[in-house]
């Protein structure tokens, strides 16, 4: 799943891509709860904090966003890192973009 997050982040490195608005594959009765849980878990991810790199699920996205920020200092990529982490979290819960 970490690679999915990295792929999502690298794919949107040049053009910001918002999180999917629809999700499929999970229990529709749990969608709102799963989204809330994933937002709570990933909204505080900060690509500038080294301790975020050690997270087994989101560390790759954090490290990649920090590296991209060094190469492209005029654009803040933390939003893309959070989107990638959110998508990884939703994937862990059985959802995929629809």
Protein backbone atom coordinates (compact mmCIF):
# COMPACT_ATOMS: atom_id res chain seq x y z
CA UNK A 1 0.00 0.00 0.00
CA UNK A 2 2.91 2.35 0.64
CA UNK A 3 3.85 2.03 -3.01
CA UNK A 4 0.28 2.94 -3.96
CA UNK A 5 0.66 6.09 -1.90
CA UNK A 6 3.99 6.89 -3.52
CA UNK A 7 2.55 6.27 -6.97
CA UNK A 8 -0.41 8.50 -6.22
CA UNK A 9 1.89 11.23 -4.97
CA UNK A 10 4.29 11.00 -7.89
CA UNK A 11 1.44 10.98 -10.38
CA UNK A 12 0.14 14.24 -9.01
CA UNK A 13 3.52 15.92 -8.52
CA UNK A 14 3.01 18.21 -11.48
CA UNK A 15 -0.76 18.70 -11.33
CA UNK A 16 -2.59 18.64 -8.01
CA UNK A 17 -5.26 15.95 -8.00
CA UNK A 18 -8.01 16.06 -5.37
CA UNK A 19 -9.02 12.96 -3.46
CA UNK A 20 -11.63 10.88 -5.29
CA UNK A 21 -15.19 11.90 -4.59
CA UNK A 22 -16.55 8.38 -4.99
CA UNK A 23 -15.30 5.14 -3.47
CA UNK A 24 -16.21 1.55 -4.35
CA UNK A 25 -15.43 -1.88 -2.99
CA UNK A 26 -16.20 -1.40 0.68
CA UNK A 27 -19.31 -1.62 2.83
CA UNK A 28 -21.46 1.40 1.84
CA UNK A 29 -22.78 1.62 5.41
CA UNK A 30 -19.18 2.20 6.62
CA UNK A 31 -18.09 4.75 4.00
CA UNK A 32 -18.65 7.87 6.12
CA UNK A 33 -17.04 6.30 9.19
CA UNK A 34 -14.05 5.03 7.17
CA UNK A 35 -13.56 8.44 5.54
CA UNK A 36 -13.73 10.18 8.93
CA UNK A 37 -11.23 7.73 10.43
CA UNK A 38 -8.84 8.15 7.52
CA UNK A 39 -9.08 11.95 7.65
CA UNK A 40 -8.36 11.86 11.38
CA UNK A 41 -5.38 9.58 10.79
CA UNK A 42 -3.86 11.42 7.83
CA UNK A 43 -4.74 15.12 8.12
CA UNK A 44 -1.78 15.80 10.41
CA UNK A 45 0.83 14.21 8.16
CA UNK A 46 3.61 16.72 7.62
CA UNK A 47 6.18 16.01 4.94
CA UNK A 48 8.61 18.32 6.72
CA UNK A 49 8.77 16.17 9.85
CA UNK A 50 11.35 13.40 9.74
CA UNK A 51 9.48 11.27 12.28
CA UNK A 52 6.73 10.84 9.68
CA UNK A 53 9.14 8.92 7.45
CA UNK A 54 9.24 5.95 9.82
CA UNK A 55 5.50 5.31 9.47
CA UNK A 56 5.27 2.08 7.52
CA UNK A 57 2.19 3.17 5.55
CA UNK A 58 2.70 6.89 4.98
CA UNK A 59 6.47 7.37 5.32
CA UNK A 60 7.13 6.85 1.62
CA UNK A 61 4.63 9.56 0.66
CA UNK A 62 6.07 11.94 3.28
CA UNK A 63 9.64 11.38 2.13
CA UNK A 64 8.69 11.74 -1.53
CA UNK A 65 6.79 14.98 -0.88
CA UNK A 66 9.77 16.41 1.02
CA UNK A 67 12.12 15.49 -1.84
CA UNK A 68 9.80 17.04 -4.41
CA UNK A 69 9.55 20.20 -2.28
CA UNK A 70 13.35 20.48 -2.28
CA UNK A 71 13.38 20.26 -6.09
CA UNK A 72 10.35 22.53 -6.51
CA UNK A 73 10.55 25.03 -3.63
CA UNK A 74 7.93 27.38 -5.06
CA UNK A 75 5.13 24.83 -4.67
CA UNK A 76 3.96 23.23 -1.45
CA UNK A 77 3.27 19.51 -2.00
CA UNK A 78 2.03 18.67 1.50
CA UNK A 79 -1.56 18.57 0.25
CA UNK A 80 -0.65 15.91 -2.29
CA UNK A 81 1.12 13.91 0.44
CA UNK A 82 -2.05 14.00 2.56
CA UNK A 83 -4.18 12.92 -0.43
CA UNK A 84 -1.80 10.00 -1.09
CA UNK A 85 -1.91 9.01 2.59
CA UNK A 86 -5.71 9.29 2.65
CA UNK A 87 -6.01 7.08 -0.43
CA UNK A 88 -3.65 4.54 1.16
CA UNK A 89 -5.75 4.52 4.34
CA UNK A 90 -8.97 4.04 2.37
CA UNK A 91 -7.33 1.23 0.39
CA UNK A 92 -6.38 -0.46 3.64
CA UNK A 93 -10.06 -0.41 4.57
CA UNK A 94 -11.05 -2.09 1.28
CA UNK A 95 -12.02 1.00 -0.74
CA UNK A 96 -10.72 2.10 -4.12
CA UNK A 97 -11.46 5.23 -6.15
CA UNK A 98 -14.60 4.80 -8.21
